[in-house]
Amino acid sequence: MDNKAQNASGDQRSDHWARLDAFLQIDPRDAGCDEAMEMLDVYAELLAAGNDPSERFPGVHAHFLACGACAQDLEGLLSALTGPASSQPGPP
């Protein structure tokens, strides 16, 4: 087997290990994208009002910490609710 074939095979194995490692590091409380999107407006409104929704919705909070795409959605909605120059706390 030539070096390219060995490297490709090694890259595939490395990718599998990287994905497994990422999966194992997921917070077991993570509610997932679907639930986070269902609660997005409620979570953002609580943040905008100066409340801490992480205690009431720990699974959703864990998801916003882990998922960049959902965290961006939260940040955008929070900005729309409070305005860009708000003194309200940002997303988790």
N, C-alpha and C. Protein backbone atom coordinates (compact mmCIF):
# COMPACT_ATOMS: atom_id res chain seq x y z
N MET A 1 0.86 -1.17 0.00
CA MET A 1 0.00 0.00 0.00
C MET A 1 0.90 1.23 0.00
N ASP A 2 0.59 2.21 -0.83
CA ASP A 2 1.42 3.41 -0.87
C ASP A 2 1.08 4.34 0.30
N ASN A 3 1.90 5.36 0.48
CA ASN A 3 1.73 6.27 1.61
C ASN A 3 0.41 7.04 1.56
N LYS A 4 -0.03 7.40 0.34
CA LYS A 4 -1.30 8.13 0.22
C LYS A 4 -2.46 7.28 0.72
N ALA A 5 -2.46 6.01 0.34
CA ALA A 5 -3.53 5.12 0.78
C ALA A 5 -3.48 4.93 2.28
N GLN A 6 -2.28 4.79 2.83
CA GLN A 6 -2.15 4.62 4.27
C GLN A 6 -2.61 5.89 4.99
N ASN A 7 -2.24 7.06 4.49
CA ASN A 7 -2.65 8.31 5.12
C ASN A 7 -4.16 8.50 5.06
N ALA A 8 -4.77 8.16 3.91
CA ALA A 8 -6.21 8.28 3.78
C ALA A 8 -6.91 7.36 4.78
N SER A 9 -6.41 6.16 4.90
CA SER A 9 -6.98 5.22 5.85
C SER A 9 -6.80 5.72 7.27
N GLY A 10 -5.63 6.25 7.57
CA GLY A 10 -5.37 6.80 8.89
C GLY A 10 -6.23 8.01 9.18
N ASP A 11 -6.45 8.87 8.16
CA ASP A 11 -7.30 10.04 8.33
C ASP A 11 -8.74 9.63 8.66
N GLN A 12 -9.22 8.58 7.99
CA GLN A 12 -10.58 8.11 8.26
C GLN A 12 -10.68 7.60 9.69
N ARG A 13 -9.70 6.83 10.12
CA ARG A 13 -9.73 6.33 11.50
C ARG A 13 -9.62 7.48 12.48
N SER A 14 -8.79 8.45 12.18
CA SER A 14 -8.62 9.60 13.04
C SER A 14 -9.93 10.39 13.14
N ASP A 15 -10.62 10.52 12.00
CA ASP A 15 -11.90 11.22 11.98
C ASP A 15 -12.93 10.48 12.85
N HIS A 16 -12.95 9.17 12.77
CA HIS A 16 -13.88 8.38 13.60
C HIS A 16 -13.59 8.61 15.07
N TRP A 17 -12.31 8.61 15.44
CA TRP A 17 -11.95 8.82 16.84
C TRP A 17 -12.30 10.23 17.28
N ALA A 18 -12.11 11.20 16.41
CA ALA A 18 -12.44 12.59 16.75
C ALA A 18 -13.94 12.74 16.96
N ARG A 19 -14.74 12.11 16.11
CA ARG A 19 -16.19 12.19 16.26
C ARG A 19 -16.65 11.47 17.52
N LEU A 20 -16.04 10.33 17.82
CA LEU A 20 -16.38 9.59 19.04
C LEU A 20 -16.02 10.42 20.27
N ASP A 21 -14.85 11.04 20.24
CA ASP A 21 -14.41 11.88 21.35
C ASP A 21 -15.38 13.04 21.55
N ALA A 22 -15.79 13.68 20.48
CA ALA A 22 -16.74 14.80 20.58
C ALA A 22 -18.07 14.32 21.16
N PHE A 23 -18.52 13.15 20.74
CA PHE A 23 -19.77 12.60 21.25
C PHE A 23 -19.67 12.33 22.76
N LEU A 24 -18.55 11.78 23.19
CA LEU A 24 -18.38 11.43 24.60
C LEU A 24 -18.26 12.67 25.48
N GLN A 25 -17.92 13.80 24.90
CA GLN A 25 -17.79 15.03 25.67
C GLN A 25 -19.10 15.81 25.77
N ILE A 26 -20.14 15.32 25.14
CA ILE A 26 -21.44 15.99 25.19
C ILE A 26 -21.98 15.93 26.61
N ASP A 27 -22.44 17.06 27.08
CA ASP A 27 -23.05 17.14 28.40
C ASP A 27 -24.34 16.30 28.38
N PRO A 28 -24.48 15.35 29.30
CA PRO A 28 -25.69 14.51 29.29
C PRO A 28 -26.97 15.30 29.50
N ARG A 29 -26.86 16.52 30.00
CA ARG A 29 -28.06 17.35 30.18
C ARG A 29 -28.46 18.05 28.90
N ASP A 30 -27.60 18.04 27.87
CA ASP A 30 -27.85 18.76 26.61
C ASP A 30 -29.19 18.34 26.02
N ALA A 31 -30.07 19.32 25.86
CA ALA A 31 -31.43 19.06 25.38
C ALA A 31 -31.49 18.83 23.88
N GLY A 32 -30.49 19.26 23.14
CA GLY A 32 -30.49 19.09 21.69
C GLY A 32 -31.09 20.28 20.98
N CYS A 33 -30.83 20.33 19.68
CA CYS A 33 -31.26 21.47 18.85
C CYS A 33 -32.77 21.64 18.82
N ASP A 34 -33.50 20.56 18.69
CA ASP A 34 -34.96 20.67 18.57
C ASP A 34 -35.58 21.34 19.79
N GLU A 35 -35.22 20.87 20.98
CA GLU A 35 -35.79 21.46 22.19
C GLU A 35 -35.29 22.88 22.40
N ALA A 36 -34.01 23.12 22.10
CA ALA A 36 -33.46 24.47 22.24
C ALA A 36 -34.22 25.45 21.34
N MET A 37 -34.54 25.04 20.12
CA MET A 37 -35.27 25.93 19.21
C MET A 37 -36.70 26.14 19.67
N GLU A 38 -37.29 25.12 20.29
CA GLU A 38 -38.65 25.28 20.83
C GLU A 38 -38.67 26.29 21.97
N MET A 39 -37.59 26.33 22.76
CA MET A 39 -37.53 27.19 23.93
C MET A 39 -36.78 28.49 23.68
N LEU A 40 -36.32 28.71 22.46
CA LEU A 40 -35.47 29.86 22.15
C LEU A 40 -36.10 31.18 22.56
N ASP A 41 -37.36 31.40 22.20
CA ASP A 41 -38.00 32.68 22.51
C ASP A 41 -38.17 32.87 24.01
N VAL A 42 -38.57 31.82 24.72
CA VAL A 42 -38.74 31.91 26.16
C VAL A 42 -37.40 32.19 26.85
N TYR A 43 -36.37 31.45 26.44
CA TYR A 43 -35.04 31.60 27.01
C TYR A 43 -34.52 33.02 26.77
N ALA A 44 -34.66 33.52 25.55
CA ALA A 44 -34.19 34.87 25.21
C ALA A 44 -34.97 35.94 25.97
N GLU A 45 -36.27 35.76 26.12
CA GLU A 45 -37.06 36.74 26.85
C GLU A 45 -36.67 36.79 28.32
N LEU A 46 -36.38 35.63 28.90
CA LEU A 46 -35.92 35.60 30.29
C LEU A 46 -34.57 36.32 30.43
N LEU A 47 -33.66 36.06 29.50
CA LEU A 47 -32.37 36.75 29.52
C LEU A 47 -32.55 38.26 29.36
N ALA A 48 -33.40 38.66 28.44
CA ALA A 48 -33.63 40.07 28.18
C ALA A 48 -34.23 40.77 29.39
N ALA A 49 -35.00 40.05 30.18
CA ALA A 49 -35.60 40.61 31.39
C ALA A 49 -34.64 40.62 32.57
N GLY A 50 -33.42 40.11 32.36
CA GLY A 50 -32.42 40.10 33.43
C GLY A 50 -32.48 38.87 34.31
N ASN A 51 -33.23 37.87 33.90
CA ASN A 51 -33.32 36.62 34.66
C ASN A 51 -32.28 35.62 34.18
N ASP A 52 -32.05 34.59 34.98
CA ASP A 52 -31.11 33.53 34.62
C ASP A 52 -31.90 32.26 34.29
N PRO A 53 -32.13 32.00 32.99
CA PRO A 53 -32.93 30.83 32.61
C PRO A 53 -32.18 29.51 32.75
N SER A 54 -30.88 29.55 33.05
CA SER A 54 -30.11 28.31 33.11
C SER A 54 -30.57 27.39 34.24
N GLU A 55 -31.09 27.96 35.32
CA GLU A 55 -31.58 27.12 36.42
C GLU A 55 -32.91 26.46 36.07
N ARG A 56 -33.74 27.18 35.37
CA ARG A 56 -35.05 26.65 34.98
C ARG A 56 -34.96 25.69 33.81
N PHE A 57 -34.01 25.95 32.91
CA PHE A 57 -33.84 25.14 31.70
C PHE A 57 -32.38 24.69 31.56
N PRO A 58 -31.91 23.81 32.46
CA PRO A 58 -30.49 23.41 32.42
C PRO A 58 -30.10 22.67 31.15
N GLY A 59 -31.00 21.90 30.58
CA GLY A 59 -30.70 21.17 29.35
C GLY A 59 -30.55 22.09 28.15
N VAL A 60 -31.39 23.09 28.11
CA VAL A 60 -31.32 24.08 27.03
C VAL A 60 -30.06 24.92 27.20
N HIS A 61 -29.76 25.30 28.44
CA HIS A 61 -28.54 26.05 28.72
C HIS A 61 -27.31 25.26 28.29
N ALA A 62 -27.27 23.98 28.64
CA ALA A 62 -26.14 23.13 28.25
C ALA A 62 -26.02 23.07 26.73
N HIS A 63 -27.14 23.05 26.05
CA HIS A 63 -27.10 22.99 24.59
C HIS A 63 -26.55 24.28 24.00
N PHE A 64 -26.98 25.43 24.52
CA PHE A 64 -26.47 26.70 24.00
C PHE A 64 -24.96 26.82 24.22
N LEU A 65 -24.45 26.23 25.28
CA LEU A 65 -23.01 26.24 25.52
C LEU A 65 -22.27 25.35 24.52
N ALA A 66 -22.92 24.28 24.07
CA ALA A 66 -22.26 23.29 23.21
C ALA A 66 -22.48 23.51 21.71
N CYS A 67 -23.55 24.16 21.33
CA CYS A 67 -23.90 24.27 19.92
C CYS A 67 -23.76 25.71 19.45
N GLY A 68 -22.74 25.96 18.67
CA GLY A 68 -22.49 27.31 18.18
C GLY A 68 -23.63 27.87 17.35
N ALA A 69 -24.24 27.05 16.52
CA ALA A 69 -25.32 27.53 15.66
C ALA A 69 -26.53 27.98 16.49
N CYS A 70 -26.91 27.20 17.46
CA CYS A 70 -28.05 27.57 18.31
C CYS A 70 -27.70 28.78 19.18
N ALA A 71 -26.46 28.86 19.65
CA ALA A 71 -26.03 30.02 20.45
C ALA A 71 -26.09 31.29 19.61
N GLN A 72 -25.76 31.19 18.33
CA GLN A 72 -25.86 32.36 17.44
C GLN A 72 -27.31 32.79 17.26
N ASP A 73 -28.20 31.82 17.14
CA ASP A 73 -29.63 32.14 17.03
C ASP A 73 -30.10 32.86 18.30
N LEU A 74 -29.67 32.37 19.44
CA LEU A 74 -30.03 33.00 20.71
C LEU A 74 -29.47 34.42 20.77
N GLU A 75 -28.23 34.58 20.40
CA GLU A 75 -27.61 35.90 20.41
C GLU A 75 -28.34 36.86 19.49
N GLY A 76 -28.73 36.40 18.31
CA GLY A 76 -29.46 37.25 17.38
C GLY A 76 -30.82 37.66 17.91
N LEU A 77 -31.54 36.71 18.48
CA LEU A 77 -32.86 37.03 19.03
C LEU A 77 -32.73 37.96 20.23
N LEU A 78 -31.74 37.70 21.07
CA LEU A 78 -31.52 38.56 22.23
C LEU A 78 -31.18 39.98 21.79
N SER A 79 -30.38 40.12 20.76
CA SER A 79 -30.04 41.43 20.22
C SER A 79 -31.28 42.13 19.67
N ALA A 80 -32.15 41.39 19.02
CA ALA A 80 -33.39 41.96 18.49
C ALA A 80 -34.31 42.42 19.62
N LEU A 81 -34.31 41.69 20.72
CA LEU A 81 -35.16 42.03 21.85
C LEU A 81 -34.64 43.22 22.64
N THR A 82 -33.33 43.31 22.77
CA THR A 82 -32.75 44.31 23.67
C THR A 82 -32.05 45.44 22.95
N GLY A 83 -31.76 45.28 21.67
CA GLY A 83 -31.00 46.28 20.95
C GLY A 83 -29.52 46.01 21.10
N PRO A 84 -28.72 46.40 20.14
CA PRO A 84 -27.30 46.08 20.16
C PRO A 84 -26.51 46.76 21.27
N ALA A 85 -26.97 47.90 21.79
CA ALA A 85 -26.22 48.62 22.82
C ALA A 85 -26.79 48.37 24.21
N SER A 86 -27.47 47.27 24.38
CA SER A 86 -28.11 46.97 25.65
C SER A 86 -27.08 46.65 26.72
N SER A 87 -27.45 46.92 27.95
CA SER A 87 -26.58 46.56 29.07
C SER A 87 -26.98 45.23 29.67
N GLN A 88 -27.92 44.54 29.04
CA GLN A 88 -28.36 43.24 29.52
C GLN A 88 -27.24 42.22 29.34
N PRO A 89 -27.20 41.19 30.19
CA PRO A 89 -26.18 40.15 30.04
C PRO A 89 -26.38 39.40 28.73
N GLY A 90 -25.28 38.97 28.16
CA GLY A 90 -25.32 38.22 26.91
C GLY A 90 -25.74 36.80 27.12
N PRO A 91 -25.81 36.03 26.05
CA PRO A 91 -26.16 34.62 26.14
C PRO A 91 -25.10 33.87 26.93
N PRO A 92 -25.45 32.66 27.34
CA PRO A 92 -24.55 31.88 28.19
C PRO A 92 -23.16 31.75 27.62
